[in-house]
Amino acid sequence: MELRQIQYFCAVIESGSFTRAAEECMVSQSAISQQVKALESELGFELVHRHGRSFDVTPAGELFARKASALLEQLEDVRYEAEGLANGWATTLSVGYLNRYEGWEVQGAITAFASRHPHIPVHATAGSHDQLYHLILDHDVDILFSDRRRALSDSFVNRHLFDGWQYVEVSEASSVAWAEELTVVELRHQPCILIASKEQEETERQYYRDVLGFRCDFLFARSREEGRMMVAGNRGFMPVEMRTQSPRSGSAIRRIPLVGQDGQLKSEYYAYWPKDRTNNLVEEFADILSGMFETEGE
């Protein structure tokens, strides 16, 4: 039983036609038909019932096609991994992304990358800024999507993606729900809800208090969904950032611009990765991610 025979038979079943299968495989229709017959002869049972130019798949043929297609996909994965190892290519991609960012672009970039490279596993990890920073230092992720809190390092590729507009989300039951915009000072009597692991709570608290100037109590959620539920219950406000600027929005949870003396506050967002760990997959993903932020809308 030859691999080519199995490939041809699966092509016939997937296309529903010997003619289309021949075109896809770039061989003659007679060659496809002969190879399927040879496969049936070796197996000792029919895979298809032929009716002139049409055919019906036998129950055994359906089973064989389903199992064989899965094996062919696994074989292609093995071939790609072995080829990558032989040529020194990267064969996986691990992406770290900021857990509080509100936007579709990272998911869109991962989807686009996976469509281009179906045989490459893509792993995505959400975390706070500091968590992501340590993950990439420890080689646990290949590339980061995160905000800028430190001076840019010459040992990293620092690709600027956009400046994010800062907002706070509040419950419509909050006393500040109807404000057109809010300042840090105006929020001093409201608890600030931050997304962070237990280990990162103090780091996030210090950043928001000492760098951003939030003089309020802090509560912590482990995920954006948990934080939103806390906001909905009017337990406090949650800082979020968006790529596009908009006025106050929302119903049950209202999103209100966070402003300072010079207008609405912004944060810089980058794709980061170590220069000495640059590879073809990281660069391609960075290009795709950059393209996502160049598109219009959200």
C-alpha atoms as a PDB file:
ATOM      1  CA  MET A   1       0.000   0.000   0.000  1.00  0.00           C
ATOM      2  CA  GLU A   2       1.666   3.203  -1.215  1.00  0.00           C
ATOM      3  CA  LEU A   3       1.334   6.640   0.345  1.00  0.00           C
ATOM      4  CA  ARG A   4       0.505   8.084  -3.070  1.00  0.00           C
ATOM      5  CA  GLN A   5      -2.461   5.733  -3.430  1.00  0.00           C
ATOM      6  CA  ILE A   6      -3.867   6.856  -0.074  1.00  0.00           C
ATOM      7  CA  GLN A   7      -3.361  10.522  -0.965  1.00  0.00           C
ATOM      8  CA  TYR A   8      -5.153  10.086  -4.283  1.00  0.00           C
ATOM      9  CA  PHE A   9      -8.079   8.255  -2.696  1.00  0.00           C
ATOM     10  CA  CYS A  10      -8.490  10.909   0.000  1.00  0.00           C
ATOM     11  CA  ALA A  11      -8.397  13.598  -2.680  1.00  0.00           C
ATOM     12  CA  VAL A  12     -11.212  11.830  -4.546  1.00  0.00           C
ATOM     13  CA  ILE A  13     -13.370  11.645  -1.434  1.00  0.00           C
ATOM     14  CA  GLU A  14     -12.665  15.237  -0.345  1.00  0.00           C
ATOM     15  CA  SER A  15     -13.364  16.671  -3.822  1.00  0.00           C
ATOM     16  CA  GLY A  16     -16.232  14.281  -4.612  1.00  0.00           C
ATOM     17  CA  SER A  17     -14.888  13.706  -8.102  1.00  0.00           C
ATOM     18  CA  PHE A  18     -12.138  11.750  -9.846  1.00  0.00           C
ATOM     19  CA  THR A  19     -11.781  14.633 -12.304  1.00  0.00           C
ATOM     20  CA  ARG A  20     -11.364  17.321  -9.645  1.00  0.00           C
ATOM     21  CA  ALA A  21      -9.025  15.083  -7.651  1.00  0.00           C
ATOM     22  CA  ALA A  22      -6.864  14.629 -10.766  1.00  0.00           C
ATOM     23  CA  GLU A  23      -6.709  18.396 -11.246  1.00  0.00           C
ATOM     24  CA  GLU A  24      -5.770  18.998  -7.612  1.00  0.00           C
ATOM     25  CA  CYS A  25      -3.102  16.295  -7.688  1.00  0.00           C
ATOM     26  CA  MET A  26      -1.902  17.419 -11.141  1.00  0.00           C
ATOM     27  CA  VAL A  27      -2.135  13.954 -12.691  1.00  0.00           C
ATOM     28  CA  SER A  28      -4.431  12.414 -15.256  1.00  0.00           C
ATOM     29  CA  GLN A  29      -7.858  11.097 -14.308  1.00  0.00           C
ATOM     30  CA  SER A  30      -6.870   7.619 -15.514  1.00  0.00           C
ATOM     31  CA  ALA A  31      -3.853   7.669 -13.192  1.00  0.00           C
ATOM     32  CA  ILE A  32      -6.073   8.551 -10.218  1.00  0.00           C
ATOM     33  CA  SER A  33      -8.542   5.794 -11.119  1.00  0.00           C
ATOM     34  CA  GLN A  34      -5.788   3.208 -11.562  1.00  0.00           C
ATOM     35  CA  GLN A  35      -4.183   4.042  -8.227  1.00  0.00           C
ATOM     36  CA  VAL A  36      -7.512   3.823  -6.357  1.00  0.00           C
ATOM     37  CA  LYS A  37      -8.190   0.448  -7.980  1.00  0.00           C
ATOM     38  CA  ALA A  38      -4.693  -0.723  -7.023  1.00  0.00           C
ATOM     39  CA  LEU A  39      -5.371   0.370  -3.434  1.00  0.00           C
ATOM     40  CA  GLU A  40      -8.660  -1.558  -3.383  1.00  0.00           C
ATOM     41  CA  SER A  41      -6.919  -4.624  -4.793  1.00  0.00           C
ATOM     42  CA  GLU A  42      -4.270  -4.542  -2.093  1.00  0.00           C
ATOM     43  CA  LEU A  43      -6.838  -3.958   0.672  1.00  0.00           C
ATOM     44  CA  GLY A  44      -9.095  -6.718  -0.633  1.00  0.00           C
ATOM     45  CA  PHE A  45     -12.353  -4.721  -0.518  1.00  0.00           C
ATOM     46  CA  GLU A  46     -14.125  -1.950  -2.411  1.00  0.00           C
ATOM     47  CA  LEU A  47     -13.734   1.659  -1.339  1.00  0.00           C
ATOM     48  CA  VAL A  48     -16.180   3.085  -3.882  1.00  0.00           C
ATOM     49  CA  HIS A  49     -19.036   1.767  -6.051  1.00  0.00           C
ATOM     50  CA  ARG A  50     -18.610   3.173  -9.558  1.00  0.00           C
ATOM     51  CA  HIS A  51     -21.617   4.176 -11.666  1.00  0.00           C
ATOM     52  CA  GLY A  52     -20.271   5.354 -15.001  1.00  0.00           C
ATOM     53  CA  ARG A  53     -18.698   8.752 -14.235  1.00  0.00           C
ATOM     54  CA  SER A  54     -20.119   8.938 -10.725  1.00  0.00           C
ATOM     55  CA  PHE A  55     -19.513   6.855  -7.606  1.00  0.00           C
ATOM     56  CA  ASP A  56     -20.769   6.138  -4.116  1.00  0.00           C
ATOM     57  CA  VAL A  57     -18.427   5.642  -1.192  1.00  0.00           C
ATOM     58  CA  THR A  58     -18.795   2.311   0.578  1.00  0.00           C
ATOM     59  CA  PRO A  59     -19.059   2.244   4.393  1.00  0.00           C
ATOM     60  CA  ALA A  60     -15.563   0.766   4.463  1.00  0.00           C
ATOM     61  CA  GLY A  61     -14.394   3.544   2.127  1.00  0.00           C
ATOM     62  CA  GLU A  62     -15.833   6.237   4.416  1.00  0.00           C
ATOM     63  CA  LEU A  63     -14.050   4.776   7.409  1.00  0.00           C
ATOM     64  CA  PHE A  64     -10.796   4.384   5.493  1.00  0.00           C
ATOM     65  CA  ALA A  65     -10.950   7.943   4.147  1.00  0.00           C
ATOM     66  CA  ARG A  66     -11.639   9.442   7.568  1.00  0.00           C
ATOM     67  CA  LYS A  67      -8.843   7.589   9.303  1.00  0.00           C
ATOM     68  CA  ALA A  68      -6.409   7.975   6.414  1.00  0.00           C
ATOM     69  CA  SER A  69      -6.980  11.750   6.209  1.00  0.00           C
ATOM     70  CA  ALA A  70      -6.124  12.099   9.886  1.00  0.00           C
ATOM     71  CA  LEU A  71      -2.960  10.040   9.381  1.00  0.00           C
ATOM     72  CA  LEU A  72      -1.931  12.150   6.387  1.00  0.00           C
ATOM     73  CA  GLU A  73      -2.291  15.308   8.486  1.00  0.00           C
ATOM     74  CA  GLN A  74      -0.156  13.778  11.231  1.00  0.00           C
ATOM     75  CA  LEU A  75       2.427  12.727   8.666  1.00  0.00           C
ATOM     76  CA  GLU A  76       2.575  16.280   7.307  1.00  0.00           C
ATOM     77  CA  ASP A  77       3.102  17.584  10.845  1.00  0.00           C
ATOM     78  CA  VAL A  78       5.964  15.122  11.330  1.00  0.00           C
ATOM     79  CA  ARG A  79       7.497  16.088   7.996  1.00  0.00           C
ATOM     80  CA  TYR A  80       7.316  19.797   8.799  1.00  0.00           C
ATOM     81  CA  GLU A  81       8.833  19.378  12.267  1.00  0.00           C
ATOM     82  CA  ALA A  82      11.642  17.195  10.932  1.00  0.00           C
ATOM     83  CA  GLU A  83      12.337  19.651   8.109  1.00  0.00           C
ATOM     84  CA  GLY A  84      12.389  22.514  10.588  1.00  0.00           C
ATOM     85  CA  LEU A  85      14.814  20.652  12.844  1.00  0.00           C
ATOM     86  CA  ALA A  86      17.075  19.826   9.905  1.00  0.00           C
ATOM     87  CA  ASN A  87      17.128  23.444   8.722  1.00  0.00           C
ATOM     88  CA  GLY A  88      17.260  25.088  12.124  1.00  0.00           C
ATOM     89  CA  TRP A  89      13.789  26.636  11.804  1.00  0.00           C
ATOM     90  CA  ALA A  90      11.546  27.490  14.725  1.00  0.00           C
ATOM     91  CA  THR A  91       8.680  24.990  14.912  1.00  0.00           C
ATOM     92  CA  THR A  92       6.472  26.556  17.607  1.00  0.00           C
ATOM     93  CA  LEU A  93       5.419  30.071  18.569  1.00  0.00           C
ATOM     94  CA  SER A  94       4.580  31.323  22.056  1.00  0.00           C
ATOM     95  CA  VAL A  95       2.932  34.737  22.454  1.00  0.00           C
ATOM     96  CA  GLY A  96       2.519  36.714  25.672  1.00  0.00           C
ATOM     97  CA  TYR A  97      -0.109  39.454  25.795  1.00  0.00           C
ATOM     98  CA  LEU A  98      -1.277  42.010  28.322  1.00  0.00           C
ATOM     99  CA  ASN A  99      -4.274  40.722  30.250  1.00  0.00           C
ATOM    100  CA  ARG A 100      -6.051  44.053  30.635  1.00  0.00           C
ATOM    101  CA  TYR A 101      -5.938  45.237  27.012  1.00  0.00           C
ATOM    102  CA  GLU A 102      -9.401  45.543  25.472  1.00  0.00           C
ATOM    103  CA  GLY A 103      -9.129  44.776  21.759  1.00  0.00           C
ATOM    104  CA  TRP A 104      -9.299  42.091  19.097  1.00  0.00           C
ATOM    105  CA  GLU A 105      -5.915  42.546  17.416  1.00  0.00           C
ATOM    106  CA  VAL A 106      -3.861  39.892  19.228  1.00  0.00           C
ATOM    107  CA  GLN A 107      -6.531  37.245  18.661  1.00  0.00           C
ATOM    108  CA  GLY A 108      -6.769  38.353  15.034  1.00  0.00           C
ATOM    109  CA  ALA A 109      -3.007  38.062  14.554  1.00  0.00           C
ATOM    110  CA  ILE A 110      -2.937  34.578  16.105  1.00  0.00           C
ATOM    111  CA  THR A 111      -5.803  33.472  13.848  1.00  0.00           C
ATOM    112  CA  ALA A 112      -4.072  34.838  10.743  1.00  0.00           C
ATOM    113  CA  PHE A 113      -0.770  33.214  11.712  1.00  0.00           C
ATOM    114  CA  ALA A 114      -2.431  29.857  12.395  1.00  0.00           C
ATOM    115  CA  SER A 115      -4.169  30.011   9.011  1.00  0.00           C
ATOM    116  CA  ARG A 116      -0.823  30.521   7.280  1.00  0.00           C
ATOM    117  CA  HIS A 117       0.938  27.835   9.316  1.00  0.00           C
ATOM    118  CA  PRO A 118      -1.534  25.094  10.289  1.00  0.00           C
ATOM    119  CA  HIS A 119       1.306  22.775  11.332  1.00  0.00           C
ATOM    120  CA  ILE A 120       2.868  25.188  13.827  1.00  0.00           C
ATOM    121  CA  PRO A 121       1.456  25.124  17.384  1.00  0.00           C
ATOM    122  CA  VAL A 122       0.743  28.632  18.711  1.00  0.00           C
ATOM    123  CA  HIS A 123       0.557  29.124  22.483  1.00  0.00           C
ATOM    124  CA  ALA A 124      -0.825  32.329  24.014  1.00  0.00           C
ATOM    125  CA  THR A 125      -0.346  33.442  27.624  1.00  0.00           C
ATOM    126  CA  ALA A 126      -2.027  36.425  29.280  1.00  0.00           C
ATOM    127  CA  GLY A 127      -0.323  38.262  32.112  1.00  0.00           C
ATOM    128  CA  SER A 128       0.453  41.568  33.737  1.00  0.00           C
ATOM    129  CA  HIS A 129       3.314  43.682  32.405  1.00  0.00           C
ATOM    130  CA  ASP A 130       5.797  42.306  34.936  1.00  0.00           C
ATOM    131  CA  GLN A 131       4.648  38.715  34.493  1.00  0.00           C
ATOM    132  CA  LEU A 132       5.179  38.972  30.750  1.00  0.00           C
ATOM    133  CA  TYR A 133       8.593  40.579  31.220  1.00  0.00           C
ATOM    134  CA  HIS A 134       9.792  37.687  33.357  1.00  0.00           C
ATOM    135  CA  LEU A 135       8.240  35.115  31.028  1.00  0.00           C
ATOM    136  CA  ILE A 136      10.289  36.359  28.088  1.00  0.00           C
ATOM    137  CA  LEU A 137      13.473  36.617  30.174  1.00  0.00           C
ATOM    138  CA  ASP A 138      12.936  32.986  31.227  1.00  0.00           C
ATOM    139  CA  HIS A 139      12.407  31.912  27.570  1.00  0.00           C
ATOM    140  CA  ASP A 140       8.798  30.907  28.294  1.00  0.00           C
ATOM    141  CA  VAL A 141       7.409  33.118  25.513  1.00  0.00           C
ATOM    142  CA  ASP A 142       8.925  34.195  22.191  1.00  0.00           C
ATOM    143  CA  ILE A 143       7.272  37.581  21.694  1.00  0.00           C
ATOM    144  CA  LEU A 144       5.297  40.001  23.870  1.00  0.00           C
ATOM    145  CA  PHE A 145       2.447  42.395  23.240  1.00  0.00           C
ATOM    146  CA  SER A 146       2.522  44.805  26.161  1.00  0.00           C
ATOM    147  CA  ASP A 147       2.584  48.419  27.279  1.00  0.00           C
ATOM    148  CA  ARG A 148       5.753  50.351  27.966  1.00  0.00           C
ATOM    149  CA  ARG A 149       6.745  50.852  31.592  1.00  0.00           C
ATOM    150  CA  ARG A 150      10.530  50.738  31.302  1.00  0.00           C
ATOM    151  CA  ALA A 151      13.153  52.409  29.177  1.00  0.00           C
ATOM    152  CA  LEU A 152      13.465  50.542  25.877  1.00  0.00           C
ATOM    153  CA  SER A 153      16.334  48.032  25.910  1.00  0.00           C
ATOM    154  CA  ASP A 154      18.905  47.786  23.111  1.00  0.00           C
ATOM    155  CA  SER A 155      18.957  44.017  23.607  1.00  0.00           C
ATOM    156  CA  PHE A 156      15.311  43.816  22.483  1.00  0.00           C
ATOM    157  CA  VAL A 157      13.529  44.515  19.252  1.00  0.00           C
ATOM    158  CA  ASN A 158      10.992  47.175  20.270  1.00  0.00           C
ATOM    159  CA  ARG A 159       8.341  47.578  17.587  1.00  0.00           C
ATOM    160  CA  HIS A 160       5.900  50.373  18.371  1.00  0.00           C
ATOM    161  CA  LEU A 161       2.331  49.379  17.549  1.00  0.00           C
ATOM    162  CA  PHE A 162       0.093  52.198  18.783  1.00  0.00           C
ATOM    163  CA  ASP A 163      -0.683  54.607  21.600  1.00  0.00           C
ATOM    164  CA  GLY A 164      -3.632  53.329  23.635  1.00  0.00           C
ATOM    165  CA  TRP A 165      -6.271  55.673  25.016  1.00  0.00           C
ATOM    166  CA  GLN A 166      -6.972  55.191  28.711  1.00  0.00           C
ATOM    167  CA  TYR A 167     -10.492  54.678  30.093  1.00  0.00           C
ATOM    168  CA  VAL A 168     -12.106  53.449  33.279  1.00  0.00           C
ATOM    169  CA  GLU A 169     -15.056  51.100  33.378  1.00  0.00           C
ATOM    170  CA  VAL A 170     -17.679  51.737  36.070  1.00  0.00           C
ATOM    171  CA  SER A 171     -21.087  50.339  36.916  1.00  0.00           C
ATOM    172  CA  GLU A 172     -24.083  52.456  35.956  1.00  0.00           C
ATOM    173  CA  ALA A 173     -24.883  52.280  39.688  1.00  0.00           C
ATOM    174  CA  SER A 174     -21.667  54.177  40.467  1.00  0.00           C
ATOM    175  CA  SER A 175     -21.800  57.792  41.625  1.00  0.00           C
ATOM    176  CA  VAL A 176     -19.481  58.733  38.719  1.00  0.00           C
ATOM    177  CA  ALA A 177     -21.338  56.767  36.038  1.00  0.00           C
ATOM    178  CA  TRP A 178     -22.677  59.850  34.260  1.00  0.00           C
ATOM    179  CA  ALA A 179     -19.428  61.797  34.074  1.00  0.00           C
ATOM    180  CA  GLU A 180     -18.273  62.682  30.564  1.00  0.00           C
ATOM    181  CA  GLU A 181     -14.650  62.190  31.660  1.00  0.00           C
ATOM    182  CA  LEU A 182     -12.792  61.450  34.880  1.00  0.00           C
ATOM    183  CA  THR A 183      -9.444  62.294  36.463  1.00  0.00           C
ATOM    184  CA  VAL A 184      -7.359  60.253  38.875  1.00  0.00           C
ATOM    185  CA  VAL A 185      -8.254  62.744  41.607  1.00  0.00           C
ATOM    186  CA  GLU A 186     -11.986  62.328  40.984  1.00  0.00           C
ATOM    187  CA  LEU A 187     -11.592  58.570  41.414  1.00  0.00           C
ATOM    188  CA  ARG A 188      -9.798  58.744  44.766  1.00  0.00           C
ATOM    189  CA  HIS A 189     -12.883  57.615  46.704  1.00  0.00           C
ATOM    190  CA  GLN A 190     -13.550  54.637  44.391  1.00  0.00           C
ATOM    191  CA  PRO A 191     -11.663  51.308  44.748  1.00  0.00           C
ATOM    192  CA  CYS A 192      -9.483  50.539  41.707  1.00  0.00           C
ATOM    193  CA  ILE A 193      -9.871  46.996  40.335  1.00  0.00           C
ATOM    194  CA  LEU A 194      -6.670  45.598  38.802  1.00  0.00           C
ATOM    195  CA  ILE A 195      -6.083  42.308  37.010  1.00  0.00           C
ATOM    196  CA  ALA A 196      -3.120  40.485  38.510  1.00  0.00           C
ATOM    197  CA  SER A 197      -2.048  37.175  39.997  1.00  0.00           C
ATOM    198  CA  LYS A 198      -1.552  36.929  43.754  1.00  0.00           C
ATOM    199  CA  GLU A 199       2.210  37.229  43.269  1.00  0.00           C
ATOM    200  CA  GLN A 200       1.903  40.383  41.139  1.00  0.00           C
ATOM    201  CA  GLU A 201      -0.576  42.298  43.277  1.00  0.00           C
ATOM    202  CA  GLU A 202       2.000  44.461  45.071  1.00  0.00           C
ATOM    203  CA  THR A 203       3.854  45.241  41.823  1.00  0.00           C
ATOM    204  CA  GLU A 204       0.655  46.417  40.131  1.00  0.00           C
ATOM    205  CA  ARG A 205      -0.433  48.363  43.206  1.00  0.00           C
ATOM    206  CA  GLN A 206       2.885  50.216  43.344  1.00  0.00           C
ATOM    207  CA  TYR A 207       2.790  51.060  39.640  1.00  0.00           C
ATOM    208  CA  TYR A 208      -0.743  52.462  39.700  1.00  0.00           C
ATOM    209  CA  ARG A 209      -0.151  54.303  42.976  1.00  0.00           C
ATOM    210  CA  ASP A 210       3.405  55.610  42.571  1.00  0.00           C
ATOM    211  CA  VAL A 211       3.683  56.049  38.785  1.00  0.00           C
ATOM    212  CA  LEU A 212       0.121  56.756  37.642  1.00  0.00           C
ATOM    213  CA  GLY A 213      -0.941  58.556  40.813  1.00  0.00           C
ATOM    214  CA  PHE A 214      -4.026  56.579  41.863  1.00  0.00           C
ATOM    215  CA  ARG A 215      -4.640  57.465  45.540  1.00  0.00           C
ATOM    216  CA  CYS A 216      -7.330  54.950  46.359  1.00  0.00           C
ATOM    217  CA  ASP A 217      -7.878  51.452  47.643  1.00  0.00           C
ATOM    218  CA  PHE A 218      -7.090  48.549  45.319  1.00  0.00           C
ATOM    219  CA  LEU A 219      -8.969  45.333  44.648  1.00  0.00           C
ATOM    220  CA  PHE A 220      -7.703  42.499  42.466  1.00  0.00           C
ATOM    221  CA  ALA A 221      -9.239  40.169  39.901  1.00  0.00           C
ATOM    222  CA  ARG A 222      -7.548  37.210  38.251  1.00  0.00           C
ATOM    223  CA  SER A 223      -9.083  37.802  34.810  1.00  0.00           C
ATOM    224  CA  ARG A 224     -10.754  40.553  32.821  1.00  0.00           C
ATOM    225  CA  GLU A 225     -14.062  38.690  33.078  1.00  0.00           C
ATOM    226  CA  GLU A 226     -13.815  38.542  36.872  1.00  0.00           C
ATOM    227  CA  GLY A 227     -12.906  42.222  36.957  1.00  0.00           C
ATOM    228  CA  ARG A 228     -15.922  43.114  34.843  1.00  0.00           C
ATOM    229  CA  MET A 229     -18.218  41.229  37.187  1.00  0.00           C
ATOM    230  CA  MET A 230     -16.764  43.219  40.085  1.00  0.00           C
ATOM    231  CA  VAL A 231     -17.370  46.435  38.146  1.00  0.00           C
ATOM    232  CA  ALA A 232     -20.952  45.374  37.370  1.00  0.00           C
ATOM    233  CA  GLY A 233     -21.511  44.855  41.092  1.00  0.00           C
ATOM    234  CA  ASN A 234     -20.307  48.429  41.737  1.00  0.00           C
ATOM    235  CA  ARG A 235     -17.311  47.332  43.757  1.00  0.00           C
ATOM    236  CA  GLY A 236     -15.036  49.849  42.045  1.00  0.00           C
ATOM    237  CA  PHE A 237     -13.670  51.032  38.700  1.00  0.00           C
ATOM    238  CA  MET A 238     -11.341  49.152  36.343  1.00  0.00           C
ATOM    239  CA  PRO A 239      -8.722  50.831  34.102  1.00  0.00           C
ATOM    240  CA  VAL A 240      -8.774  49.687  30.462  1.00  0.00           C
ATOM    241  CA  GLU A 241      -7.072  50.875  27.276  1.00  0.00           C
ATOM    242  CA  MET A 242      -8.372  51.083  23.710  1.00  0.00           C
ATOM    243  CA  ARG A 243      -6.712  51.643  20.365  1.00  0.00           C
ATOM    244  CA  THR A 244      -9.326  54.164  19.245  1.00  0.00           C
ATOM    245  CA  GLN A 245     -10.663  57.196  21.065  1.00  0.00           C
ATOM    246  CA  SER A 246     -14.364  57.480  21.819  1.00  0.00           C
ATOM    247  CA  PRO A 247     -16.623  59.417  24.197  1.00  0.00           C
ATOM    248  CA  ARG A 248     -18.291  57.859  27.224  1.00  0.00           C
ATOM    249  CA  SER A 249     -19.983  54.618  26.188  1.00  0.00           C
ATOM    250  CA  GLY A 250     -21.735  51.558  27.561  1.00  0.00           C
ATOM    251  CA  SER A 251     -24.917  50.720  29.395  1.00  0.00           C
ATOM    252  CA  ALA A 252     -24.701  48.433  32.434  1.00  0.00           C
ATOM    253  CA  ILE A 253     -20.928  48.993  32.453  1.00  0.00           C
ATOM    254  CA  ARG A 254     -19.901  52.468  31.316  1.00  0.00           C
ATOM    255  CA  ARG A 255     -16.527  53.239  29.754  1.00  0.00           C
ATOM    256  CA  ILE A 256     -15.399  56.782  30.569  1.00  0.00           C
ATOM    257  CA  PRO A 257     -12.270  58.586  29.283  1.00  0.00           C
ATOM    258  CA  LEU A 258      -9.512  59.059  31.866  1.00  0.00           C
ATOM    259  CA  VAL A 259      -7.971  62.511  31.482  1.00  0.00           C
ATOM    260  CA  GLY A 260      -5.110  64.605  32.832  1.00  0.00           C
ATOM    261  CA  GLN A 261      -4.030  68.214  32.435  1.00  0.00           C
ATOM    262  CA  ASP A 262      -3.235  67.773  28.741  1.00  0.00           C
ATOM    263  CA  GLY A 263      -6.316  65.757  27.797  1.00  0.00           C
ATOM    264  CA  GLN A 264      -7.045  62.044  27.650  1.00  0.00           C
ATOM    265  CA  LEU A 265      -4.227  59.873  28.978  1.00  0.00           C
ATOM    266  CA  LYS A 266      -2.423  57.432  26.682  1.00  0.00           C
ATOM    267  CA  SER A 267      -0.056  54.469  26.963  1.00  0.00           C
ATOM    268  CA  GLU A 268       2.494  53.197  24.436  1.00  0.00           C
ATOM    269  CA  TYR A 269       2.109  49.615  23.211  1.00  0.00           C
ATOM    270  CA  TYR A 270       4.866  47.554  21.643  1.00  0.00           C
ATOM    271  CA  ALA A 271       5.749  44.125  20.357  1.00  0.00           C
ATOM    272  CA  TYR A 272       8.933  43.063  22.176  1.00  0.00           C
ATOM    273  CA  TRP A 273      11.343  40.196  21.703  1.00  0.00           C
ATOM    274  CA  PRO A 274      15.072  39.608  22.399  1.00  0.00           C
ATOM    275  CA  LYS A 275      17.281  40.355  19.405  1.00  0.00           C
ATOM    276  CA  ASP A 276      19.335  37.213  19.949  1.00  0.00           C
ATOM    277  CA  ARG A 277      16.176  35.060  19.764  1.00  0.00           C
ATOM    278  CA  THR A 278      14.840  36.534  16.545  1.00  0.00           C
ATOM    279  CA  ASN A 279      13.582  33.894  14.107  1.00  0.00           C
ATOM    280  CA  ASN A 280      11.357  33.693  11.044  1.00  0.00           C
ATOM    281  CA  LEU A 281       8.181  32.927  12.998  1.00  0.00           C
ATOM    282  CA  VAL A 282       8.620  35.752  15.502  1.00  0.00           C
ATOM    283  CA  GLU A 283       9.277  38.280  12.734  1.00  0.00           C
ATOM    284  CA  GLU A 284       6.306  37.084  10.715  1.00  0.00           C
ATOM    285  CA  PHE A 285       3.974  37.242  13.703  1.00  0.00           C
ATOM    286  CA  ALA A 286       5.223  40.754  14.516  1.00  0.00           C
ATOM    287  CA  ASP A 287       4.493  41.800  10.917  1.00  0.00           C
ATOM    288  CA  ILE A 288       0.972  40.349  11.122  1.00  0.00           C
ATOM    289  CA  LEU A 289       0.342  42.027  14.480  1.00  0.00           C
ATOM    290  CA  SER A 290       1.567  45.366  13.144  1.00  0.00           C
ATOM    291  CA  GLY A 291      -0.806  44.988  10.211  1.00  0.00           C
ATOM    292  CA  MET A 292      -3.720  44.441  12.577  1.00  0.00           C
ATOM    293  CA  PHE A 293      -3.092  47.802  14.199  1.00  0.00           C
ATOM    294  CA  GLU A 294      -2.896  49.518  10.829  1.00  0.00           C
ATOM    295  CA  THR A 295      -6.452  48.477   9.930  1.00  0.00           C
ATOM    296  CA  GLU A 296      -9.347  50.829  10.465  1.00  0.00           C
ATOM    297  CA  GLY A 297     -11.779  50.396  13.349  1.00  0.00           C
ATOM    298  CA  GLU A 298     -11.656  47.849  16.127  1.00  0.00           C
END
